[in-house]
Structures are given as C-alpha cells and as structure tokens.
Amino acid sequence: MESYNIKIKTEFIKLQDLLKFAGAVETGGDAKIIIQEGRVTVNGAICTMRGKKLRPGERACIDNETELVVV
C-alpha cells in the first residue's frame, strides 16, 4: 500500500478536497463518485460523506491501495 503524508495549514480539510489536493482524483466529480461507491475509508471505516472533515492525524484510504495521512 502506498502512503502519502498530506500537510495542511488549516484546521481541517474536507474529504473530497483532500482527494483532489493529493492528486488521487482529477476532479471533484471523480471524488464524488468513488466516495459514493464506498471505495474510500476514513480511519478504517467506509465513509460516503464527501464533506467529511479530516484533521491532522486522520487518514483516508482509497481501495485499500493508497493511504493519505493528514499532517
């Protein structure tokens, strides 16, 4: 599994924005689709909320292949 640390300068980042910022998807529409399909987990649980707020220390995983750690 590939793991990437994503540094943010704000208090939180929304899940769909994290996927776009990290380059895991090209558009917000792509993020919406994979999130709604249940392909994204946040801290180990499937998350279908694209507006889910992630704070430093939390992690999102796409298809159990790519892990994005918010730092």
PDB file of N, CA and C in Angstrom:
ATOM      1  N   MET A   1       0.849  -1.175   0.000  1.00  0.00           N
ATOM      2  CA  MET A   1       0.000   0.000   0.000  1.00  0.00           C
ATOM      3  C   MET A   1       0.898   1.243   0.000  1.00  0.00           C
ATOM      4  N   GLU A   2       0.563   2.172  -0.869  1.00  0.00           N
ATOM      5  CA  GLU A   2       1.289   3.433  -0.910  1.00  0.00           C
ATOM      6  C   GLU A   2       0.710   4.368   0.150  1.00  0.00           C
ATOM      7  N   SER A   3       1.587   5.094   0.834  1.00  0.00           N
ATOM      8  CA  SER A   3       1.141   6.020   1.866  1.00  0.00           C
ATOM      9  C   SER A   3       1.761   7.390   1.617  1.00  0.00           C
ATOM     10  N   TYR A   4       0.929   8.428   1.694  1.00  0.00           N
ATOM     11  CA  TYR A   4       1.391   9.794   1.459  1.00  0.00           C
ATOM     12  C   TYR A   4       0.964  10.674   2.620  1.00  0.00           C
ATOM     13  N   ASN A   5       1.878  11.511   3.092  1.00  0.00           N
ATOM     14  CA  ASN A   5       1.552  12.498   4.109  1.00  0.00           C
ATOM     15  C   ASN A   5       1.122  13.774   3.406  1.00  0.00           C
ATOM     16  N   ILE A   6      -0.057  14.269   3.746  1.00  0.00           N
ATOM     17  CA  ILE A   6      -0.603  15.472   3.141  1.00  0.00           C
ATOM     18  C   ILE A   6      -0.632  16.561   4.208  1.00  0.00           C
ATOM     19  N   LYS A   7       0.216  17.562   4.041  1.00  0.00           N
ATOM     20  CA  LYS A   7       0.314  18.634   5.029  1.00  0.00           C
ATOM     21  C   LYS A   7      -0.713  19.715   4.724  1.00  0.00           C
ATOM     22  N   ILE A   8      -1.502  20.065   5.738  1.00  0.00           N
ATOM     23  CA  ILE A   8      -2.475  21.145   5.580  1.00  0.00           C
ATOM     24  C   ILE A   8      -2.126  22.266   6.554  1.00  0.00           C
ATOM     25  N   LYS A   9      -2.537  23.469   6.197  1.00  0.00           N
ATOM     26  CA  LYS A   9      -2.257  24.633   7.045  1.00  0.00           C
ATOM     27  C   LYS A   9      -3.522  25.153   7.713  1.00  0.00           C
ATOM     28  N   THR A  10      -4.614  24.455   7.523  1.00  0.00           N
ATOM     29  CA  THR A  10      -5.887  24.850   8.109  1.00  0.00           C
ATOM     30  C   THR A  10      -6.262  23.846   9.200  1.00  0.00           C
ATOM     31  N   GLU A  11      -7.346  24.120   9.891  1.00  0.00           N
ATOM     32  CA  GLU A  11      -7.786  23.240  10.979  1.00  0.00           C
ATOM     33  C   GLU A  11      -8.233  21.874  10.455  1.00  0.00           C
ATOM     34  N   PHE A  12      -8.856  21.854   9.277  1.00  0.00           N
ATOM     35  CA  PHE A  12      -9.350  20.609   8.688  1.00  0.00           C
ATOM     36  C   PHE A  12      -9.374  20.742   7.179  1.00  0.00           C
ATOM     37  N   ILE A  13      -9.605  19.601   6.512  1.00  0.00           N
ATOM     38  CA  ILE A  13      -9.794  19.577   5.061  1.00  0.00           C
ATOM     39  C   ILE A  13     -10.935  18.605   4.783  1.00  0.00           C
ATOM     40  N   LYS A  14     -11.811  18.962   3.855  1.00  0.00           N
ATOM     41  CA  LYS A  14     -12.918  18.071   3.504  1.00  0.00           C
ATOM     42  C   LYS A  14     -12.375  16.897   2.693  1.00  0.00           C
ATOM     43  N   LEU A  15     -13.020  15.754   2.840  1.00  0.00           N
ATOM     44  CA  LEU A  15     -12.565  14.529   2.188  1.00  0.00           C
ATOM     45  C   LEU A  15     -12.400  14.703   0.690  1.00  0.00           C
ATOM     46  N   GLN A  16     -13.400  15.255   0.008  1.00  0.00           N
ATOM     47  CA  GLN A  16     -13.284  15.394  -1.451  1.00  0.00           C
ATOM     48  C   GLN A  16     -12.139  16.329  -1.824  1.00  0.00           C
ATOM     49  N   ASP A  17     -11.905  17.364  -1.010  1.00  0.00           N
ATOM     50  CA  ASP A  17     -10.801  18.291  -1.276  1.00  0.00           C
ATOM     51  C   ASP A  17      -9.452  17.623  -1.034  1.00  0.00           C
ATOM     52  N   LEU A  18      -9.396  16.754  -0.035  1.00  0.00           N
ATOM     53  CA  LEU A  18      -8.158  16.012   0.234  1.00  0.00           C
ATOM     54  C   LEU A  18      -7.790  15.142  -0.968  1.00  0.00           C
ATOM     55  N   LEU A  19      -8.776  14.444  -1.516  1.00  0.00           N
ATOM     56  CA  LEU A  19      -8.508  13.573  -2.666  1.00  0.00           C
ATOM     57  C   LEU A  19      -8.010  14.377  -3.864  1.00  0.00           C
ATOM     58  N   LYS A  20      -8.606  15.550  -4.085  1.00  0.00           N
ATOM     59  CA  LYS A  20      -8.167  16.405  -5.195  1.00  0.00           C
ATOM     60  C   LYS A  20      -6.780  16.986  -4.916  1.00  0.00           C
ATOM     61  N   PHE A  21      -6.566  17.513  -3.709  1.00  0.00           N
ATOM     62  CA  PHE A  21      -5.301  18.135  -3.331  1.00  0.00           C
ATOM     63  C   PHE A  21      -4.141  17.146  -3.433  1.00  0.00           C
ATOM     64  N   ALA A  22      -4.396  15.902  -3.058  1.00  0.00           N
ATOM     65  CA  ALA A  22      -3.355  14.875  -3.088  1.00  0.00           C
ATOM     66  C   ALA A  22      -3.096  14.342  -4.497  1.00  0.00           C
ATOM     67  N   GLY A  23      -3.982  14.672  -5.441  1.00  0.00           N
ATOM     68  CA  GLY A  23      -3.818  14.190  -6.806  1.00  0.00           C
ATOM     69  C   GLY A  23      -4.356  12.785  -7.013  1.00  0.00           C
ATOM     70  N   ALA A  24      -5.138  12.294  -6.053  1.00  0.00           N
ATOM     71  CA  ALA A  24      -5.706  10.943  -6.171  1.00  0.00           C
ATOM     72  C   ALA A  24      -6.831  10.909  -7.205  1.00  0.00           C
ATOM     73  N   VAL A  25      -7.485  12.053  -7.420  1.00  0.00           N
ATOM     74  CA  VAL A  25      -8.525  12.188  -8.443  1.00  0.00           C
ATOM     75  C   VAL A  25      -8.279  13.502  -9.175  1.00  0.00           C
ATOM     76  N   GLU A  26      -8.829  13.611 -10.366  1.00  0.00           N
ATOM     77  CA  GLU A  26      -8.619  14.829 -11.148  1.00  0.00           C
ATOM     78  C   GLU A  26      -9.657  15.895 -10.872  1.00  0.00           C
ATOM     79  N   THR A  27     -10.896  15.486 -10.628  1.00  0.00           N
ATOM     80  CA  THR A  27     -11.965  16.461 -10.444  1.00  0.00           C
ATOM     81  C   THR A  27     -12.794  16.132  -9.211  1.00  0.00           C
ATOM     82  N   GLY A  28     -13.575  17.112  -8.784  1.00  0.00           N
ATOM     83  CA  GLY A  28     -14.492  16.887  -7.680  1.00  0.00           C
ATOM     84  C   GLY A  28     -15.534  15.844  -8.035  1.00  0.00           C
ATOM     85  N   GLY A  29     -15.913  15.787  -9.309  1.00  0.00           N
ATOM     86  CA  GLY A  29     -16.872  14.776  -9.768  1.00  0.00           C
ATOM     87  C   GLY A  29     -16.328  13.370  -9.597  1.00  0.00           C
ATOM     88  N   ASP A  30     -15.039  13.188  -9.900  1.00  0.00           N
ATOM     89  CA  ASP A  30     -14.406  11.880  -9.707  1.00  0.00           C
ATOM     90  C   ASP A  30     -14.385  11.516  -8.228  1.00  0.00           C
ATOM     91  N   ALA A  31     -14.083  12.500  -7.382  1.00  0.00           N
ATOM     92  CA  ALA A  31     -14.061  12.265  -5.934  1.00  0.00           C
ATOM     93  C   ALA A  31     -15.447  11.856  -5.457  1.00  0.00           C
ATOM     94  N   LYS A  32     -16.463  12.555  -5.919  1.00  0.00           N
ATOM     95  CA  LYS A  32     -17.847  12.264  -5.527  1.00  0.00           C
ATOM     96  C   LYS A  32     -18.205  10.817  -5.856  1.00  0.00           C
ATOM     97  N   ILE A  33     -17.839  10.378  -7.033  1.00  0.00           N
ATOM     98  CA  ILE A  33     -18.185   9.024  -7.478  1.00  0.00           C
ATOM     99  C   ILE A  33     -17.520   7.960  -6.611  1.00  0.00           C
ATOM    100  N   ILE A  34     -16.199   8.056  -6.409  1.00  0.00           N
ATOM    101  CA  ILE A  34     -15.544   6.994  -5.649  1.00  0.00           C
ATOM    102  C   ILE A  34     -15.950   7.002  -4.178  1.00  0.00           C
ATOM    103  N   ILE A  35     -16.272   8.195  -3.655  1.00  0.00           N
ATOM    104  CA  ILE A  35     -16.743   8.259  -2.266  1.00  0.00           C
ATOM    105  C   ILE A  35     -18.123   7.626  -2.150  1.00  0.00           C
ATOM    106  N   GLN A  36     -19.035   7.957  -3.073  1.00  0.00           N
ATOM    107  CA  GLN A  36     -20.388   7.393  -3.030  1.00  0.00           C
ATOM    108  C   GLN A  36     -20.407   5.895  -3.290  1.00  0.00           C
ATOM    109  N   GLU A  37     -19.428   5.383  -4.033  1.00  0.00           N
ATOM    110  CA  GLU A  37     -19.351   3.948  -4.297  1.00  0.00           C
ATOM    111  C   GLU A  37     -18.823   3.171  -3.090  1.00  0.00           C
ATOM    112  N   GLY A  38     -18.405   3.878  -2.040  1.00  0.00           N
ATOM    113  CA  GLY A  38     -17.897   3.216  -0.847  1.00  0.00           C
ATOM    114  C   GLY A  38     -16.473   2.723  -0.974  1.00  0.00           C
ATOM    115  N   ARG A  39     -15.718   3.320  -1.879  1.00  0.00           N
ATOM    116  CA  ARG A  39     -14.334   2.901  -2.110  1.00  0.00           C
ATOM    117  C   ARG A  39     -13.336   3.617  -1.210  1.00  0.00           C
ATOM    118  N   VAL A  40     -13.815   4.553  -0.397  1.00  0.00           N
ATOM    119  CA  VAL A  40     -12.930   5.337   0.464  1.00  0.00           C
ATOM    120  C   VAL A  40     -13.248   5.044   1.928  1.00  0.00           C
ATOM    121  N   THR A  41     -12.194   4.806   2.705  1.00  0.00           N
ATOM    122  CA  THR A  41     -12.365   4.642   4.140  1.00  0.00           C
ATOM    123  C   THR A  41     -11.660   5.799   4.851  1.00  0.00           C
ATOM    124  N   VAL A  42     -12.223   6.198   5.981  1.00  0.00           N
ATOM    125  CA  VAL A  42     -11.602   7.216   6.826  1.00  0.00           C
ATOM    126  C   VAL A  42     -11.382   6.575   8.185  1.00  0.00           C
ATOM    127  N   ASN A  43     -10.133   6.523   8.603  1.00  0.00           N
ATOM    128  CA  ASN A  43      -9.761   5.894   9.871  1.00  0.00           C
ATOM    129  C   ASN A  43     -10.302   4.464   9.967  1.00  0.00           C
ATOM    130  N   GLY A  44     -10.298   3.749   8.842  1.00  0.00           N
ATOM    131  CA  GLY A  44     -10.681   2.340   8.817  1.00  0.00           C
ATOM    132  C   GLY A  44     -12.146   2.039   8.573  1.00  0.00           C
ATOM    133  N   ALA A  45     -12.995   3.072   8.519  1.00  0.00           N
ATOM    134  CA  ALA A  45     -14.430   2.854   8.295  1.00  0.00           C
ATOM    135  C   ALA A  45     -14.847   3.461   6.967  1.00  0.00           C
ATOM    136  N   ILE A  46     -15.700   2.765   6.228  1.00  0.00           N
ATOM    137  CA  ILE A  46     -16.187   3.285   4.952  1.00  0.00           C
ATOM    138  C   ILE A  46     -16.895   4.612   5.188  1.00  0.00           C
ATOM    139  N   CYS A  47     -16.565   5.591   4.361  1.00  0.00           N
ATOM    140  CA  CYS A  47     -17.155   6.926   4.502  1.00  0.00           C
ATOM    141  C   CYS A  47     -17.771   7.330   3.170  1.00  0.00           C
ATOM    142  N   THR A  48     -19.041   7.688   3.190  1.00  0.00           N
ATOM    143  CA  THR A  48     -19.717   8.130   1.965  1.00  0.00           C
ATOM    144  C   THR A  48     -20.057   9.614   2.021  1.00  0.00           C
ATOM    145  N   MET A  49     -19.490  10.323   2.978  1.00  0.00           N
ATOM    146  CA  MET A  49     -19.730  11.763   3.102  1.00  0.00           C
ATOM    147  C   MET A  49     -18.552  12.523   2.491  1.00  0.00           C
ATOM    148  N   ARG A  50     -18.771  13.162   1.354  1.00  0.00           N
ATOM    149  CA  ARG A  50     -17.648  13.852   0.728  1.00  0.00           C
ATOM    150  C   ARG A  50     -17.246  15.102   1.473  1.00  0.00           C
ATOM    151  N   GLY A  51     -18.126  15.629   2.323  1.00  0.00           N
ATOM    152  CA  GLY A  51     -17.810  16.809   3.111  1.00  0.00           C
ATOM    153  C   GLY A  51     -17.218  16.475   4.476  1.00  0.00           C
ATOM    154  N   LYS A  52     -16.910  15.203   4.718  1.00  0.00           N
ATOM    155  CA  LYS A  52     -16.331  14.772   5.994  1.00  0.00           C
ATOM    156  C   LYS A  52     -15.066  15.576   6.270  1.00  0.00           C
ATOM    157  N   LYS A  53     -14.975  16.151   7.468  1.00  0.00           N
ATOM    158  CA  LYS A  53     -13.821  16.965   7.834  1.00  0.00           C
ATOM    159  C   LYS A  53     -12.733  16.080   8.434  1.00  0.00           C
ATOM    160  N   LEU A  54     -11.548  16.146   7.843  1.00  0.00           N
ATOM    161  CA  LEU A  54     -10.412  15.400   8.352  1.00  0.00           C
ATOM    162  C   LEU A  54      -9.421  16.371   8.972  1.00  0.00           C
ATOM    163  N   ARG A  55      -8.936  16.021  10.137  1.00  0.00           N
ATOM    164  CA  ARG A  55      -7.987  16.851  10.871  1.00  0.00           C
ATOM    165  C   ARG A  55      -6.642  16.130  10.927  1.00  0.00           C
ATOM    166  N   PRO A  56      -5.570  16.853  11.265  1.00  0.00           N
ATOM    167  CA  PRO A  56      -4.258  16.189  11.348  1.00  0.00           C
ATOM    168  C   PRO A  56      -4.307  14.936  12.224  1.00  0.00           C
ATOM    169  N   GLY A  57      -3.665  13.890  11.730  1.00  0.00           N
ATOM    170  CA  GLY A  57      -3.646  12.602  12.420  1.00  0.00           C
ATOM    171  C   GLY A  57      -4.633  11.607  11.840  1.00  0.00           C
ATOM    172  N   GLU A  58      -5.602  12.094  11.064  1.00  0.00           N
ATOM    173  CA  GLU A  58      -6.587  11.190  10.463  1.00  0.00           C
ATOM    174  C   GLU A  58      -6.070  10.711   9.105  1.00  0.00           C
ATOM    175  N   ARG A  59      -6.633   9.586   8.665  1.00  0.00           N
ATOM    176  CA  ARG A  59      -6.180   9.005   7.395  1.00  0.00           C
ATOM    177  C   ARG A  59      -7.342   8.530   6.541  1.00  0.00           C
ATOM    178  N   ALA A  60      -7.172   8.699   5.251  1.00  0.00           N
ATOM    179  CA  ALA A  60      -8.155   8.215   4.280  1.00  0.00           C
ATOM    180  C   ALA A  60      -7.454   7.191   3.395  1.00  0.00           C
ATOM    181  N   CYS A  61      -8.181   6.167   2.999  1.00  0.00           N
ATOM    182  CA  CYS A  61      -7.613   5.112   2.166  1.00  0.00           C
ATOM    183  C   CYS A  61      -8.550   4.858   0.989  1.00  0.00           C
ATOM    184  N   ILE A  62      -7.968   4.756  -0.198  1.00  0.00           N
ATOM    185  CA  ILE A  62      -8.745   4.526  -1.409  1.00  0.00           C
ATOM    186  C   ILE A  62      -8.485   3.104  -1.892  1.00  0.00           C
ATOM    187  N   ASP A  63      -9.544   2.314  -1.993  1.00  0.00           N
ATOM    188  CA  ASP A  63      -9.471   0.931  -2.495  1.00  0.00           C
ATOM    189  C   ASP A  63      -8.411   0.088  -1.778  1.00  0.00           C
ATOM    190  N   ASN A  64      -8.126   0.392  -0.523  1.00  0.00           N
ATOM    191  CA  ASN A  64      -7.096  -0.319   0.237  1.00  0.00           C
ATOM    192  C   ASN A  64      -5.746  -0.343  -0.484  1.00  0.00           C
ATOM    193  N   GLU A  65      -5.508   0.662  -1.333  1.00  0.00           N
ATOM    194  CA  GLU A  65      -4.248   0.731  -2.092  1.00  0.00           C
ATOM    195  C   GLU A  65      -3.459   1.987  -1.788  1.00  0.00           C
ATOM    196  N   THR A  66      -4.153   3.116  -1.658  1.00  0.00           N
ATOM    197  CA  THR A  66      -3.491   4.394  -1.453  1.00  0.00           C
ATOM    198  C   THR A  66      -3.982   5.014  -0.154  1.00  0.00           C
ATOM    199  N   GLU A  67      -3.039   5.298   0.742  1.00  0.00           N
ATOM    200  CA  GLU A  67      -3.391   5.891   2.027  1.00  0.00           C
ATOM    201  C   GLU A  67      -2.913   7.339   2.064  1.00  0.00           C
ATOM    202  N   LEU A  68      -3.803   8.230   2.474  1.00  0.00           N
ATOM    203  CA  LEU A  68      -3.479   9.648   2.598  1.00  0.00           C
ATOM    204  C   LEU A  68      -3.574  10.011   4.077  1.00  0.00           C
ATOM    205  N   VAL A  69      -2.465  10.428   4.653  1.00  0.00           N
ATOM    206  CA  VAL A  69      -2.402  10.789   6.072  1.00  0.00           C
ATOM    207  C   VAL A  69      -2.344  12.300   6.173  1.00  0.00           C
ATOM    208  N   VAL A  70      -3.288  12.883   6.897  1.00  0.00           N
ATOM    209  CA  VAL A  70      -3.313  14.331   7.077  1.00  0.00           C
ATOM    210  C   VAL A  70      -2.354  14.688   8.199  1.00  0.00           C
ATOM    211  N   VAL A  71      -1.429  15.589   7.887  1.00  0.00           N
ATOM    212  CA  VAL A  71      -0.465  16.048   8.912  1.00  0.00           C
ATOM    213  C   VAL A  71      -0.513  17.557   9.025  1.00  0.00           C
TER     214      VAL A  71
END
